[in-house]
N, C-alpha and C. Protein backbone atom coordinates (compact mmCIF):
# COMPACT_ATOMS: atom_id res chain seq x y z
N UNK A 1 -12.20 -3.05 -12.66
CA UNK A 1 -10.72 -2.58 -12.24
C UNK A 1 -10.38 -2.89 -10.97
N UNK A 2 -11.35 -2.85 -9.88
CA UNK A 2 -11.18 -3.20 -8.51
C UNK A 2 -10.78 -4.61 -8.52
N UNK A 3 -11.71 -5.44 -9.03
CA UNK A 3 -11.68 -6.86 -8.99
C UNK A 3 -10.27 -7.54 -9.56
N UNK A 4 -9.92 -6.89 -10.61
CA UNK A 4 -8.72 -7.22 -11.37
C UNK A 4 -7.38 -6.99 -10.43
N UNK A 5 -7.49 -5.87 -9.77
CA UNK A 5 -6.48 -5.40 -8.74
C UNK A 5 -6.24 -6.39 -7.60
N UNK A 6 -7.57 -6.84 -6.99
CA UNK A 6 -7.56 -7.68 -5.92
C UNK A 6 -6.98 -9.12 -6.54
N UNK A 7 -7.33 -9.48 -7.52
CA UNK A 7 -7.02 -10.67 -8.01
C UNK A 7 -5.67 -10.74 -8.23
N UNK A 8 -5.13 -9.61 -8.88
CA UNK A 8 -3.60 -9.39 -8.93
C UNK A 8 -2.94 -9.62 -7.45
N UNK A 9 -3.35 -8.91 -6.68
CA UNK A 9 -2.73 -8.97 -5.41
C UNK A 9 -2.75 -10.29 -4.57
N UNK A 10 -3.85 -11.12 -4.79
CA UNK A 10 -4.03 -12.38 -4.55
C UNK A 10 -3.06 -13.34 -5.38
N UNK A 11 -2.70 -13.09 -6.64
CA UNK A 11 -1.78 -14.11 -7.13
C UNK A 11 -0.31 -13.69 -6.72
N UNK A 12 -0.06 -12.56 -6.64
CA UNK A 12 1.34 -12.13 -5.98
C UNK A 12 1.48 -12.77 -4.60
N UNK A 13 0.56 -12.70 -3.83
CA UNK A 13 0.54 -13.21 -2.43
C UNK A 13 0.76 -14.91 -2.45
N UNK A 14 -0.04 -15.54 -3.32
CA UNK A 14 0.17 -16.94 -3.43
C UNK A 14 1.45 -17.28 -4.07
N UNK A 15 1.98 -16.39 -4.93
CA UNK A 15 3.46 -16.83 -5.51
C UNK A 15 4.33 -16.81 -4.35
N UNK A 16 4.40 -15.62 -3.70
CA UNK A 16 5.18 -15.37 -2.68
C UNK A 16 5.07 -16.57 -1.50
N UNK A 17 3.98 -16.86 -1.17
CA UNK A 17 3.80 -18.14 -0.23
C UNK A 17 4.36 -19.20 -0.66
N UNK A 18 4.32 -19.62 -1.95
CA UNK A 18 4.79 -20.91 -2.50
C UNK A 18 6.59 -20.76 -2.48
N UNK A 19 6.98 -19.63 -2.88
CA UNK A 19 8.43 -19.34 -2.87
C UNK A 19 8.95 -19.43 -1.33
N UNK A 20 8.20 -18.95 -0.24
CA UNK A 20 8.62 -18.87 0.75
C UNK A 20 8.76 -20.35 1.50
N UNK A 21 7.73 -21.06 0.99
CA UNK A 21 7.93 -22.49 1.44
C UNK A 21 9.07 -23.14 0.97
N UNK A 22 9.63 -22.98 -0.19
CA UNK A 22 10.80 -23.54 -0.79
C UNK A 22 11.84 -23.00 0.03
N UNK A 23 11.86 -21.57 0.26
CA UNK A 23 13.00 -21.12 1.02
C UNK A 23 12.89 -21.73 2.42
N UNK A 24 11.81 -22.01 2.98
CA UNK A 24 11.67 -22.69 4.38
C UNK A 24 12.33 -23.97 4.38
N UNK A 25 12.10 -24.80 3.14
CA UNK A 25 12.66 -26.00 3.05
C UNK A 25 14.03 -26.08 2.76
N UNK A 26 14.69 -25.13 2.13
CA UNK A 26 16.12 -25.11 1.86
C UNK A 26 16.85 -24.43 3.17
N UNK A 27 16.13 -23.44 3.74
CA UNK A 27 16.63 -22.61 5.00
C UNK A 27 16.86 -23.74 6.20
N UNK A 28 15.96 -24.75 6.14
CA UNK A 28 15.93 -25.46 7.44
C UNK A 28 16.91 -26.76 7.37
N UNK A 29 17.66 -26.82 6.30
CA UNK A 29 18.53 -28.04 6.25
C UNK A 29 19.82 -27.86 7.13
N UNK A 30 20.28 -26.67 7.42
CA UNK A 30 21.37 -26.48 8.22
C UNK A 30 21.19 -25.28 9.05
N UNK A 31 22.00 -24.97 10.14
CA UNK A 31 21.83 -23.71 10.89
C UNK A 31 22.46 -22.71 9.96
N UNK A 32 23.42 -22.71 9.25
CA UNK A 32 23.97 -21.67 8.40
C UNK A 32 23.01 -21.31 7.25
N UNK A 33 22.21 -22.19 6.73
CA UNK A 33 21.22 -21.90 5.65
C UNK A 33 20.22 -21.26 6.29
N UNK A 34 19.84 -21.78 7.49
CA UNK A 34 18.64 -21.15 8.41
C UNK A 34 18.86 -19.48 8.42
N UNK A 35 20.19 -19.22 9.09
CA UNK A 35 20.48 -17.88 9.25
C UNK A 35 20.43 -16.99 7.92
N UNK A 36 20.94 -17.72 6.90
CA UNK A 36 21.00 -16.96 5.52
C UNK A 36 19.41 -16.81 5.20
N UNK A 37 18.67 -17.76 5.17
CA UNK A 37 17.33 -17.44 4.94
C UNK A 37 16.60 -16.41 5.87
N UNK A 38 17.00 -16.46 7.05
CA UNK A 38 16.37 -15.34 8.11
C UNK A 38 16.70 -13.93 7.67
N UNK A 39 18.02 -13.90 7.31
CA UNK A 39 18.55 -12.68 7.15
C UNK A 39 18.20 -12.03 5.79
N UNK A 40 17.88 -12.92 4.79
CA UNK A 40 17.27 -12.55 3.53
C UNK A 40 15.84 -12.17 3.75
N UNK A 41 15.05 -12.97 4.49
CA UNK A 41 13.64 -12.29 4.82
C UNK A 41 13.61 -11.05 5.59
N UNK A 42 14.37 -10.98 6.65
CA UNK A 42 14.36 -9.56 7.42
C UNK A 42 14.70 -8.63 6.41
N UNK A 43 15.83 -8.76 5.47
CA UNK A 43 16.11 -7.50 4.61
C UNK A 43 15.11 -7.21 3.59
N UNK A 44 14.29 -8.34 3.09
CA UNK A 44 13.46 -8.25 2.08
C UNK A 44 12.23 -7.36 2.55
N UNK A 45 11.78 -7.86 3.71
CA UNK A 45 10.84 -7.27 4.61
C UNK A 45 11.01 -5.77 4.65
N UNK A 46 12.15 -5.35 5.21
CA UNK A 46 12.49 -4.04 5.26
C UNK A 46 12.36 -3.25 3.98
N UNK A 47 12.95 -3.65 2.99
CA UNK A 47 12.83 -3.15 1.62
C UNK A 47 11.41 -2.99 1.13
N UNK A 48 10.47 -4.01 1.33
CA UNK A 48 9.30 -3.82 0.98
C UNK A 48 8.37 -2.77 1.87
N UNK A 49 8.72 -2.79 3.01
CA UNK A 49 7.98 -1.88 3.88
C UNK A 49 8.35 -0.51 3.51
N UNK A 50 9.53 -0.23 3.20
CA UNK A 50 10.06 1.24 2.80
C UNK A 50 9.39 1.40 1.49
N UNK A 51 9.45 0.68 0.57
CA UNK A 51 8.83 0.89 -0.73
C UNK A 51 7.36 1.16 -0.67
N UNK A 52 6.49 0.15 0.06
CA UNK A 52 5.22 0.35 0.26
C UNK A 52 4.79 1.84 0.92
N UNK A 53 5.61 2.07 1.97
CA UNK A 53 5.37 3.40 2.70
C UNK A 53 5.75 4.62 1.83
N UNK A 54 6.75 4.54 0.97
CA UNK A 54 6.92 5.61 0.05
C UNK A 54 5.83 5.76 -0.97
N UNK A 55 5.22 4.82 -1.44
CA UNK A 55 4.20 4.71 -2.46
C UNK A 55 3.01 5.47 -1.56
N UNK A 56 2.63 4.83 -0.50
CA UNK A 56 1.44 5.34 0.29
C UNK A 56 1.79 6.77 0.75
N UNK A 57 2.83 7.11 0.91
CA UNK A 57 3.05 8.48 1.24
C UNK A 57 2.68 9.70 0.09
N UNK A 58 3.40 8.95 -0.99
CA UNK A 58 2.96 9.75 -2.13
C UNK A 58 1.76 9.90 -2.53
N UNK A 59 1.09 8.86 -2.36
CA UNK A 59 -0.49 8.76 -2.88
C UNK A 59 -1.26 9.75 -1.88
N UNK A 60 -0.86 9.66 -0.40
CA UNK A 60 -1.41 10.39 0.51
C UNK A 60 -1.26 12.13 0.32
N UNK A 61 -0.04 12.40 -0.10
CA UNK A 61 0.29 13.65 -0.32
C UNK A 61 -0.47 14.25 -1.57
N UNK A 62 -0.57 13.51 -2.52
CA UNK A 62 -1.63 13.86 -3.73
C UNK A 62 -2.95 13.88 -3.33
N UNK A 63 -3.31 13.13 -2.42
CA UNK A 63 -4.81 13.19 -1.92
C UNK A 63 -4.86 14.24 -1.08
N UNK A 64 -3.95 14.54 -0.10
CA UNK A 64 -4.23 15.70 0.73
C UNK A 64 -4.10 17.02 0.03
N UNK A 65 -3.23 17.12 -1.02
CA UNK A 65 -3.19 18.21 -1.85
C UNK A 65 -4.55 18.70 -2.52
N UNK A 66 -5.28 17.50 -2.94
CA UNK A 66 -6.42 17.80 -3.73
C UNK A 66 -7.62 18.19 -2.52
N UNK A 67 -7.58 17.73 -1.46
CA UNK A 67 -8.42 17.96 -0.45
C UNK A 67 -8.29 19.45 0.05
N UNK A 68 -7.02 19.96 0.02
CA UNK A 68 -6.76 21.16 0.59
C UNK A 68 -7.22 22.19 -0.43
N UNK A 69 -6.99 21.86 -1.88
CA UNK A 69 -7.57 22.76 -2.73
C UNK A 69 -9.10 22.87 -2.88
N UNK A 70 -9.76 21.72 -2.79
CA UNK A 70 -11.16 21.68 -2.65
C UNK A 70 -11.52 22.31 -1.41
N UNK A 71 -11.06 22.28 -0.23
CA UNK A 71 -11.43 23.09 0.69
C UNK A 71 -11.09 24.52 0.62
N UNK A 72 -10.07 24.83 0.07
CA UNK A 72 -9.73 26.21 0.16
C UNK A 72 -10.82 26.96 -1.01
N UNK A 73 -11.16 26.26 -2.10
CA UNK A 73 -12.05 26.59 -3.11
C UNK A 73 -13.60 26.89 -2.41
N UNK A 74 -13.95 25.88 -1.60
CA UNK A 74 -15.37 26.09 -1.06
C UNK A 74 -15.27 27.19 0.08
N UNK A 75 -14.11 27.34 0.55
CA UNK A 75 -13.95 28.51 1.77
C UNK A 75 -14.06 30.02 0.95
N UNK A 76 -13.42 29.96 -0.21
CA UNK A 76 -13.26 31.23 -0.75
C UNK A 76 -14.75 31.63 -1.57
N UNK A 77 -15.39 30.49 -1.95
CA UNK A 77 -16.67 30.86 -2.54
C UNK A 77 -17.79 31.17 -1.52
N UNK A 78 -17.55 30.67 -0.28
CA UNK A 78 -18.64 30.95 0.88
C UNK A 78 -18.13 32.17 1.63
N UNK A 79 -18.85 32.64 2.44
CA UNK A 79 -18.37 33.93 3.39
C UNK A 79 -17.91 33.44 4.61
N UNK A 80 -17.83 31.99 4.84
CA UNK A 80 -17.24 31.67 6.00
C UNK A 80 -15.74 32.07 6.15
N UNK A 81 -15.28 32.35 7.28
CA UNK A 81 -13.78 32.79 7.46
C UNK A 81 -13.13 31.69 8.22
N UNK A 82 -12.03 31.33 7.80
CA UNK A 82 -11.20 30.28 8.39
C UNK A 82 -9.77 30.82 8.33
N UNK A 83 -9.02 30.78 9.48
CA UNK A 83 -7.77 31.44 9.27
C UNK A 83 -6.57 30.66 8.36
N UNK A 84 -6.72 29.22 8.34
CA UNK A 84 -5.80 28.64 7.59
C UNK A 84 -6.40 27.37 6.98
N UNK A 85 -6.92 27.29 6.21
CA UNK A 85 -7.68 25.74 5.75
C UNK A 85 -6.56 24.67 5.55
N UNK A 86 -5.36 24.99 5.37
CA UNK A 86 -4.46 23.96 5.13
C UNK A 86 -3.89 23.31 6.47
N UNK A 87 -4.13 24.00 7.50
CA UNK A 87 -3.71 23.40 8.85
C UNK A 87 -4.62 22.07 9.18
N UNK A 88 -5.80 22.41 9.05
CA UNK A 88 -6.69 21.14 9.42
C UNK A 88 -6.48 19.90 8.49
N UNK A 89 -6.39 19.88 7.22
CA UNK A 89 -6.14 18.97 6.43
C UNK A 89 -4.69 18.32 6.65
N UNK A 90 -3.63 19.08 6.68
CA UNK A 90 -2.42 18.77 6.79
C UNK A 90 -1.94 18.14 8.10
N UNK A 91 -2.62 18.56 9.32
CA UNK A 91 -2.43 17.67 10.62
C UNK A 91 -2.89 16.41 10.46
N UNK A 92 -4.27 16.29 9.63
CA UNK A 92 -4.95 15.03 9.73
C UNK A 92 -4.12 14.07 8.87
N UNK A 93 -3.59 14.61 7.81
CA UNK A 93 -2.66 13.78 6.82
C UNK A 93 -1.46 13.16 7.70
N UNK A 94 -0.84 14.03 8.44
CA UNK A 94 0.54 13.73 9.20
C UNK A 94 0.01 12.66 10.16
N UNK A 95 -1.13 12.53 10.89
CA UNK A 95 -1.47 11.66 11.71
C UNK A 95 -1.67 10.46 10.85
N UNK A 96 -2.39 10.39 9.67
CA UNK A 96 -2.55 9.20 9.25
C UNK A 96 -1.40 8.45 8.68
N UNK A 97 -0.35 9.29 8.21
CA UNK A 97 0.84 8.71 7.69
C UNK A 97 1.68 8.11 8.98
N UNK A 98 1.63 8.81 9.96
CA UNK A 98 2.30 8.26 11.08
C UNK A 98 1.79 6.93 11.44
N UNK A 99 0.44 6.80 11.49
CA UNK A 99 -0.26 5.44 12.04
C UNK A 99 0.10 4.40 11.07
N UNK A 100 -0.01 4.85 9.67
CA UNK A 100 0.27 3.78 8.55
C UNK A 100 1.70 3.12 8.94
N UNK A 101 2.66 3.91 9.11
CA UNK A 101 4.11 3.50 9.23
C UNK A 101 4.09 2.57 10.52
N UNK A 102 3.55 3.02 11.77
CA UNK A 102 3.60 2.11 12.77
C UNK A 102 2.90 0.77 12.68
N UNK A 103 1.96 0.75 11.79
CA UNK A 103 1.19 -0.62 11.64
C UNK A 103 2.04 -1.49 11.08
N UNK A 104 3.04 -1.11 10.20
CA UNK A 104 3.91 -1.98 9.54
C UNK A 104 4.95 -2.52 10.63
N UNK A 105 5.49 -1.80 11.35
CA UNK A 105 6.52 -2.24 12.31
C UNK A 105 5.73 -3.02 13.56
N UNK A 106 4.56 -2.73 13.91
CA UNK A 106 3.96 -3.78 14.93
C UNK A 106 3.72 -4.99 14.46
N UNK A 107 3.55 -5.37 13.12
CA UNK A 107 3.37 -6.66 12.64
C UNK A 107 4.58 -7.47 12.79
N UNK A 108 5.80 -6.97 12.75
CA UNK A 108 6.99 -7.76 12.88
C UNK A 108 7.64 -7.43 14.16
């Protein structure tokens, strides 16, 4: 399953690279087409980053919810006392989400 996922990602990447080359060829023919291609790439990058961040944040929220519940169950079954088990996991998730978002903007 993981191999298929990686192969699919590689196929998408290769397809996008081939199409970007075609866009580069057309976009370089005049100053106007250059600006058109540049604007299209910029807008597409923003939309892809927003989409990917939404998907990552949704997956992260699901993962955090599971971790919080597991942590809560382990605390309630043991005699250890913790004031609020959700705080520790929630803060960690918030930092992880912010770091993921800043990684996208630093690439461009």
